[in-house]
Amino acid sequence: MKKLIGVMLGVLGLSLAQGTIIYSQPYSCEEIKEGFHITSADGDILCDDFTLNEEVMLSSIEFWVAQYGPTVDKVNLVILVDGALCFNPNFCTIYWEGEIQFTQETTETYWSGMEVYKLRCGIPEETRPNLLAGLHYYVGVQFKGYTLNYILVMNNQIEDTCWYVESSGDWTKTSDLPYGNATDLFMELYSENLTLQPTTWADIKSSW
């Protein structure tokens, strides 16, 4: 049901203050599987994959984190393109990367005794990447500096699992980590320049 909701948001072109949702793996407290402590101080990065139905300019990304103690206010983001459809970020090309300041708001939910926040990573207009339809991408996230934030994931439900990399190693599937699981990032991608035609529920049902 969660994935269907995500698809419907994209089909309906839900417009929010930060733009239109173009890809959705929305947060649900009940679906949290685990959290990953990912910081540039440790050199760790966590990524998940996505594919879009049309060409867009990416304007922001949202992630969900459990926060314990003081936090930083920036993340390093990287977008990898999987042109050969190998479904392995070790063989992908870096398409875009940037250091992004984020804003956060509480979800008023908790995981492992820590409050869960939604992080909105708004990409400056002059550096926004243009993403093409049909290409297989990975987006990677890493907190800038040291923090006790944990990036939250759910069980893998669509396409490839999350991958994890340490500063001196190769990308590894989260399912291959010790006591690991196949996971998906809670994340939503937005575009401010996407114009969608109005769509009714009757139109959607007729396409099923």
C-alpha atoms as a PDB file:
ATOM      1  CA  MET A   1       0.000   0.000   0.000  1.00  0.00           C
ATOM      2  CA  LYS A   2       2.813   2.440   0.833  1.00  0.00           C
ATOM      3  CA  LYS A   3       4.359   2.034  -2.614  1.00  0.00           C
ATOM      4  CA  LEU A   4       0.974   2.535  -4.268  1.00  0.00           C
ATOM      5  CA  ILE A   5       0.551   5.773  -2.325  1.00  0.00           C
ATOM      6  CA  GLY A   6       3.973   6.911  -3.522  1.00  0.00           C
ATOM      7  CA  VAL A   7       3.065   6.184  -7.146  1.00  0.00           C
ATOM      8  CA  MET A   8      -0.273   7.975  -6.812  1.00  0.00           C
ATOM      9  CA  LEU A   9       1.433  11.113  -5.479  1.00  0.00           C
ATOM     10  CA  GLY A  10       3.568  11.194  -8.592  1.00  0.00           C
ATOM     11  CA  VAL A  11       0.628  10.540 -10.933  1.00  0.00           C
ATOM     12  CA  LEU A  12      -1.539  13.182  -9.313  1.00  0.00           C
ATOM     13  CA  GLY A  13       1.314  15.695  -9.231  1.00  0.00           C
ATOM     14  CA  LEU A  14       0.944  16.655  -5.584  1.00  0.00           C
ATOM     15  CA  SER A  15       2.305  20.192  -5.325  1.00  0.00           C
ATOM     16  CA  LEU A  16       3.809  21.244  -2.011  1.00  0.00           C
ATOM     17  CA  ALA A  17       5.741  24.337  -0.933  1.00  0.00           C
ATOM     18  CA  GLN A  18       9.032  22.789  -2.001  1.00  0.00           C
ATOM     19  CA  GLY A  19       7.719  21.547  -5.350  1.00  0.00           C
ATOM     20  CA  THR A  20       6.164  18.403  -6.778  1.00  0.00           C
ATOM     21  CA  ILE A  21       6.956  14.928  -5.490  1.00  0.00           C
ATOM     22  CA  ILE A  22       8.687  13.042  -8.319  1.00  0.00           C
ATOM     23  CA  TYR A  23       9.692   9.930  -6.375  1.00  0.00           C
ATOM     24  CA  SER A  24       8.381   8.698  -3.027  1.00  0.00           C
ATOM     25  CA  GLN A  25       9.375   6.106  -0.454  1.00  0.00           C
ATOM     26  CA  PRO A  26       7.433   7.837   2.350  1.00  0.00           C
ATOM     27  CA  TYR A  27       8.143   7.562   6.062  1.00  0.00           C
ATOM     28  CA  SER A  28       6.090   5.360   8.336  1.00  0.00           C
ATOM     29  CA  CYS A  29       7.043   4.846  11.975  1.00  0.00           C
ATOM     30  CA  GLU A  30       5.565   1.343  11.889  1.00  0.00           C
ATOM     31  CA  GLU A  31       7.853   0.354   8.996  1.00  0.00           C
ATOM     32  CA  ILE A  32      11.217   1.413  10.476  1.00  0.00           C
ATOM     33  CA  LYS A  33      13.627  -1.506  10.191  1.00  0.00           C
ATOM     34  CA  GLU A  34      16.835   0.063  11.501  1.00  0.00           C
ATOM     35  CA  GLY A  35      18.983   3.187  11.510  1.00  0.00           C
ATOM     36  CA  PHE A  36      22.480   3.775  10.118  1.00  0.00           C
ATOM     37  CA  HIS A  37      25.002   6.102  11.755  1.00  0.00           C
ATOM     38  CA  ILE A  38      26.451   7.835   8.683  1.00  0.00           C
ATOM     39  CA  THR A  39      28.917  10.754   9.004  1.00  0.00           C
ATOM     40  CA  SER A  40      31.747  12.253   6.985  1.00  0.00           C
ATOM     41  CA  ALA A  41      33.906  11.950  10.119  1.00  0.00           C
ATOM     42  CA  ASP A  42      33.639   8.172   9.749  1.00  0.00           C
ATOM     43  CA  GLY A  43      33.679   8.289   5.947  1.00  0.00           C
ATOM     44  CA  ASP A  44      30.451   6.287   5.637  1.00  0.00           C
ATOM     45  CA  ILE A  45      27.775   6.777   2.952  1.00  0.00           C
ATOM     46  CA  LEU A  46      24.356   5.139   2.519  1.00  0.00           C
ATOM     47  CA  CYS A  47      22.581   5.075  -0.850  1.00  0.00           C
ATOM     48  CA  ASP A  48      19.391   3.807  -2.464  1.00  0.00           C
ATOM     49  CA  ASP A  49      18.219   3.659  -6.059  1.00  0.00           C
ATOM     50  CA  PHE A  50      15.419   5.305  -8.036  1.00  0.00           C
ATOM     51  CA  THR A  51      14.143   5.699 -11.609  1.00  0.00           C
ATOM     52  CA  LEU A  52      11.969   8.529 -12.942  1.00  0.00           C
ATOM     53  CA  ASN A  53       9.269   8.525 -15.609  1.00  0.00           C
ATOM     54  CA  GLU A  54      10.156  11.908 -17.080  1.00  0.00           C
ATOM     55  CA  GLU A  55      13.012  14.397 -17.249  1.00  0.00           C
ATOM     56  CA  VAL A  56      13.110  16.809 -14.299  1.00  0.00           C
ATOM     57  CA  MET A  57      15.350  19.221 -12.433  1.00  0.00           C
ATOM     58  CA  LEU A  58      15.875  17.917  -8.898  1.00  0.00           C
ATOM     59  CA  SER A  59      15.189  20.688  -6.357  1.00  0.00           C
ATOM     60  CA  SER A  60      15.196  18.905  -2.982  1.00  0.00           C
ATOM     61  CA  ILE A  61      15.366  15.558  -1.205  1.00  0.00           C
ATOM     62  CA  GLU A  62      13.859  14.577   2.121  1.00  0.00           C
ATOM     63  CA  PHE A  63      15.187  11.893   4.466  1.00  0.00           C
ATOM     64  CA  TRP A  64      14.087  10.753   7.916  1.00  0.00           C
ATOM     65  CA  VAL A  65      16.501  10.441  10.837  1.00  0.00           C
ATOM     66  CA  ALA A  66      16.489   9.562  14.519  1.00  0.00           C
ATOM     67  CA  GLN A  67      18.376  12.189  16.464  1.00  0.00           C
ATOM     68  CA  TYR A  68      20.328  11.803  19.694  1.00  0.00           C
ATOM     69  CA  GLY A  69      22.037  14.885  21.095  1.00  0.00           C
ATOM     70  CA  PRO A  70      23.569  17.801  19.125  1.00  0.00           C
ATOM     71  CA  THR A  71      23.462  17.659  15.341  1.00  0.00           C
ATOM     72  CA  VAL A  72      25.148  19.232  12.343  1.00  0.00           C
ATOM     73  CA  ASP A  73      23.112  21.130   9.727  1.00  0.00           C
ATOM     74  CA  LYS A  74      24.669  19.911   6.475  1.00  0.00           C
ATOM     75  CA  VAL A  75      24.790  16.718   4.458  1.00  0.00           C
ATOM     76  CA  ASN A  76      26.925  15.549   1.561  1.00  0.00           C
ATOM     77  CA  LEU A  77      24.740  14.258  -1.272  1.00  0.00           C
ATOM     78  CA  VAL A  78      25.877  12.271  -4.294  1.00  0.00           C
ATOM     79  CA  ILE A  79      23.926  11.008  -7.299  1.00  0.00           C
ATOM     80  CA  LEU A  80      25.325   8.039  -9.207  1.00  0.00           C
ATOM     81  CA  VAL A  81      24.096   7.001 -12.642  1.00  0.00           C
ATOM     82  CA  ASP A  82      23.879   3.299 -13.499  1.00  0.00           C
ATOM     83  CA  GLY A  83      24.088   3.554 -17.277  1.00  0.00           C
ATOM     84  CA  ALA A  84      24.857  -0.149 -17.744  1.00  0.00           C
ATOM     85  CA  LEU A  85      21.986  -1.263 -15.470  1.00  0.00           C
ATOM     86  CA  CYS A  86      24.356  -3.348 -13.367  1.00  0.00           C
ATOM     87  CA  PHE A  87      22.451  -2.520 -10.150  1.00  0.00           C
ATOM     88  CA  ASN A  88      25.733  -2.091  -8.316  1.00  0.00           C
ATOM     89  CA  PRO A  89      27.020   1.365  -7.290  1.00  0.00           C
ATOM     90  CA  ASN A  90      30.598   0.065  -7.447  1.00  0.00           C
ATOM     91  CA  PHE A  91      30.265   0.273 -11.229  1.00  0.00           C
ATOM     92  CA  CYS A  92      28.304   3.524 -11.437  1.00  0.00           C
ATOM     93  CA  THR A  93      29.500   6.997 -12.410  1.00  0.00           C
ATOM     94  CA  ILE A  94      29.211  10.050 -10.159  1.00  0.00           C
ATOM     95  CA  TYR A  95      26.696  12.296 -11.925  1.00  0.00           C
ATOM     96  CA  TRP A  96      26.349  15.063  -9.320  1.00  0.00           C
ATOM     97  CA  GLU A  97      27.489  15.804  -5.775  1.00  0.00           C
ATOM     98  CA  GLY A  98      27.149  18.684  -3.344  1.00  0.00           C
ATOM     99  CA  GLU A  99      27.264  19.855   0.250  1.00  0.00           C
ATOM    100  CA  ILE A 100      23.723  20.874   1.212  1.00  0.00           C
ATOM    101  CA  GLN A 101      22.364  22.675   4.254  1.00  0.00           C
ATOM    102  CA  PHE A 102      19.168  21.091   5.509  1.00  0.00           C
ATOM    103  CA  THR A 103      16.192  22.146   7.596  1.00  0.00           C
ATOM    104  CA  GLN A 104      14.369  19.770   9.891  1.00  0.00           C
ATOM    105  CA  GLU A 105      10.986  19.292  11.509  1.00  0.00           C
ATOM    106  CA  THR A 106       9.836  16.783  14.066  1.00  0.00           C
ATOM    107  CA  THR A 107       7.499  13.930  13.159  1.00  0.00           C
ATOM    108  CA  GLU A 108       6.524  13.571  16.835  1.00  0.00           C
ATOM    109  CA  THR A 109       7.440   9.879  16.574  1.00  0.00           C
ATOM    110  CA  TYR A 110      10.295   7.945  18.150  1.00  0.00           C
ATOM    111  CA  TRP A 111      12.689   5.102  17.315  1.00  0.00           C
ATOM    112  CA  SER A 112      14.889   3.410  19.935  1.00  0.00           C
ATOM    113  CA  GLY A 113      14.137   6.228  22.360  1.00  0.00           C
ATOM    114  CA  MET A 114      15.218   8.939  19.874  1.00  0.00           C
ATOM    115  CA  GLU A 115      12.958  11.524  18.274  1.00  0.00           C
ATOM    116  CA  VAL A 116      12.463  11.165  14.514  1.00  0.00           C
ATOM    117  CA  TYR A 117      12.908  14.224  12.264  1.00  0.00           C
ATOM    118  CA  LYS A 118      12.271  14.857   8.601  1.00  0.00           C
ATOM    119  CA  LEU A 119      15.261  16.494   6.931  1.00  0.00           C
ATOM    120  CA  ARG A 120      14.673  18.653   3.852  1.00  0.00           C
ATOM    121  CA  CYS A 121      17.783  19.097   1.738  1.00  0.00           C
ATOM    122  CA  GLY A 122      17.078  21.994  -0.620  1.00  0.00           C
ATOM    123  CA  ILE A 123      19.504  22.168  -3.546  1.00  0.00           C
ATOM    124  CA  PRO A 124      20.516  25.700  -4.642  1.00  0.00           C
ATOM    125  CA  GLU A 125      18.926  26.551  -7.986  1.00  0.00           C
ATOM    126  CA  GLU A 126      22.234  27.134  -9.759  1.00  0.00           C
ATOM    127  CA  THR A 127      23.520  23.640  -8.909  1.00  0.00           C
ATOM    128  CA  ARG A 128      20.387  21.508  -9.366  1.00  0.00           C
ATOM    129  CA  PRO A 129      20.998  18.354 -11.401  1.00  0.00           C
ATOM    130  CA  ASN A 130      18.873  17.534 -14.420  1.00  0.00           C
ATOM    131  CA  LEU A 131      17.669  13.929 -14.184  1.00  0.00           C
ATOM    132  CA  LEU A 132      16.618  11.963 -17.257  1.00  0.00           C
ATOM    133  CA  ALA A 133      13.667   9.636 -17.629  1.00  0.00           C
ATOM    134  CA  GLY A 134      14.312   5.905 -17.562  1.00  0.00           C
ATOM    135  CA  LEU A 135      17.860   6.031 -16.182  1.00  0.00           C
ATOM    136  CA  HIS A 136      18.710   4.053 -13.069  1.00  0.00           C
ATOM    137  CA  TYR A 137      20.171   6.319 -10.367  1.00  0.00           C
ATOM    138  CA  TYR A 138      21.434   5.977  -6.823  1.00  0.00           C
ATOM    139  CA  VAL A 139      21.333   8.827  -4.304  1.00  0.00           C
ATOM    140  CA  GLY A 140      23.829   8.715  -1.445  1.00  0.00           C
ATOM    141  CA  VAL A 141      23.690  10.673   1.819  1.00  0.00           C
ATOM    142  CA  GLN A 142      26.241  11.423   4.522  1.00  0.00           C
ATOM    143  CA  PHE A 143      26.107  13.876   7.428  1.00  0.00           C
ATOM    144  CA  LYS A 144      28.763  16.580   7.220  1.00  0.00           C
ATOM    145  CA  GLY A 145      30.921  16.183  10.324  1.00  0.00           C
ATOM    146  CA  TYR A 146      30.204  14.021  13.348  1.00  0.00           C
ATOM    147  CA  THR A 147      26.706  13.605  14.728  1.00  0.00           C
ATOM    148  CA  LEU A 148      24.621  10.989  16.511  1.00  0.00           C
ATOM    149  CA  ASN A 149      21.883  11.065  13.892  1.00  0.00           C
ATOM    150  CA  TYR A 150      20.734   7.746  12.445  1.00  0.00           C
ATOM    151  CA  ILE A 151      19.369   7.611   8.894  1.00  0.00           C
ATOM    152  CA  LEU A 152      16.247   5.455   8.945  1.00  0.00           C
ATOM    153  CA  VAL A 153      15.416   2.644   6.552  1.00  0.00           C
ATOM    154  CA  MET A 154      12.628   0.120   6.008  1.00  0.00           C
ATOM    155  CA  ASN A 155      12.579  -3.388   4.558  1.00  0.00           C
ATOM    156  CA  ASN A 156      13.437  -3.507   0.854  1.00  0.00           C
ATOM    157  CA  GLN A 157      10.245  -3.290  -1.210  1.00  0.00           C
ATOM    158  CA  ILE A 158      11.217  -1.953  -4.630  1.00  0.00           C
ATOM    159  CA  GLU A 159      14.141  -2.506  -7.005  1.00  0.00           C
ATOM    160  CA  ASP A 160      17.597  -2.599  -5.407  1.00  0.00           C
ATOM    161  CA  THR A 161      18.413  -2.650  -1.691  1.00  0.00           C
ATOM    162  CA  CYS A 162      20.347   0.125   0.033  1.00  0.00           C
ATOM    163  CA  TRP A 163      24.137  -0.012  -0.242  1.00  0.00           C
ATOM    164  CA  TYR A 164      26.695   1.110   2.323  1.00  0.00           C
ATOM    165  CA  VAL A 165      30.326   2.139   1.978  1.00  0.00           C
ATOM    166  CA  GLU A 166      33.084   2.948   4.453  1.00  0.00           C
ATOM    167  CA  SER A 167      35.885   5.399   3.691  1.00  0.00           C
ATOM    168  CA  SER A 168      38.361   2.724   2.598  1.00  0.00           C
ATOM    169  CA  GLY A 169      36.070   0.067   1.199  1.00  0.00           C
ATOM    170  CA  ASP A 170      33.682  -0.851  -1.600  1.00  0.00           C
ATOM    171  CA  TRP A 171      29.926  -0.440  -1.700  1.00  0.00           C
ATOM    172  CA  THR A 172      28.235  -3.353   0.118  1.00  0.00           C
ATOM    173  CA  LYS A 173      24.562  -4.306   0.150  1.00  0.00           C
ATOM    174  CA  THR A 174      23.019  -3.700   3.562  1.00  0.00           C
ATOM    175  CA  SER A 175      21.796  -7.300   3.384  1.00  0.00           C
ATOM    176  CA  ASP A 176      25.441  -8.442   3.265  1.00  0.00           C
ATOM    177  CA  LEU A 177      26.496  -6.546   6.379  1.00  0.00           C
ATOM    178  CA  PRO A 178      26.830  -8.516   9.646  1.00  0.00           C
ATOM    179  CA  TYR A 179      23.258  -9.024  10.903  1.00  0.00           C
ATOM    180  CA  GLY A 180      22.156  -6.875   7.964  1.00  0.00           C
ATOM    181  CA  ASN A 181      18.861  -6.685   6.078  1.00  0.00           C
ATOM    182  CA  ALA A 182      17.745  -5.748   2.583  1.00  0.00           C
ATOM    183  CA  THR A 183      16.499  -2.186   3.065  1.00  0.00           C
ATOM    184  CA  ASP A 184      15.092   0.920   1.374  1.00  0.00           C
ATOM    185  CA  LEU A 185      15.679   4.520   2.444  1.00  0.00           C
ATOM    186  CA  PHE A 186      12.732   6.562   3.588  1.00  0.00           C
ATOM    187  CA  MET A 187      13.066   9.387   1.040  1.00  0.00           C
ATOM    188  CA  GLU A 188      11.120  11.732  -1.196  1.00  0.00           C
ATOM    189  CA  LEU A 189      12.468  13.633  -4.212  1.00  0.00           C
ATOM    190  CA  TYR A 190      11.023  16.945  -5.423  1.00  0.00           C
ATOM    191  CA  SER A 191      11.140  19.155  -8.499  1.00  0.00           C
ATOM    192  CA  GLU A 192       9.983  22.768  -8.784  1.00  0.00           C
ATOM    193  CA  ASN A 193       9.884  22.912 -12.570  1.00  0.00           C
ATOM    194  CA  LEU A 194       7.608  19.948 -13.278  1.00  0.00           C
ATOM    195  CA  THR A 195       4.264  20.757 -14.894  1.00  0.00           C
ATOM    196  CA  LEU A 196       1.721  17.950 -14.725  1.00  0.00           C
ATOM    197  CA  GLN A 197      -1.657  17.804 -16.393  1.00  0.00           C
ATOM    198  CA  PRO A 198      -4.645  17.486 -14.024  1.00  0.00           C
ATOM    199  CA  THR A 199      -5.534  13.834 -13.509  1.00  0.00           C
ATOM    200  CA  THR A 200      -8.713  12.369 -12.032  1.00  0.00           C
ATOM    201  CA  TRP A 201      -9.196   9.129 -10.141  1.00  0.00           C
ATOM    202  CA  ALA A 202     -11.348   7.937 -13.051  1.00  0.00           C
ATOM    203  CA  ASP A 203      -8.383   8.441 -15.418  1.00  0.00           C
ATOM    204  CA  ILE A 204      -6.103   6.519 -13.071  1.00  0.00           C
ATOM    205  CA  LYS A 205      -8.524   3.609 -12.594  1.00  0.00           C
ATOM    206  CA  SER A 206      -9.103   3.339 -16.333  1.00  0.00           C
ATOM    207  CA  SER A 207      -5.371   2.733 -16.830  1.00  0.00           C
ATOM    208  CA  TRP A 208      -5.312  -0.264 -14.462  1.00  0.00           C
END
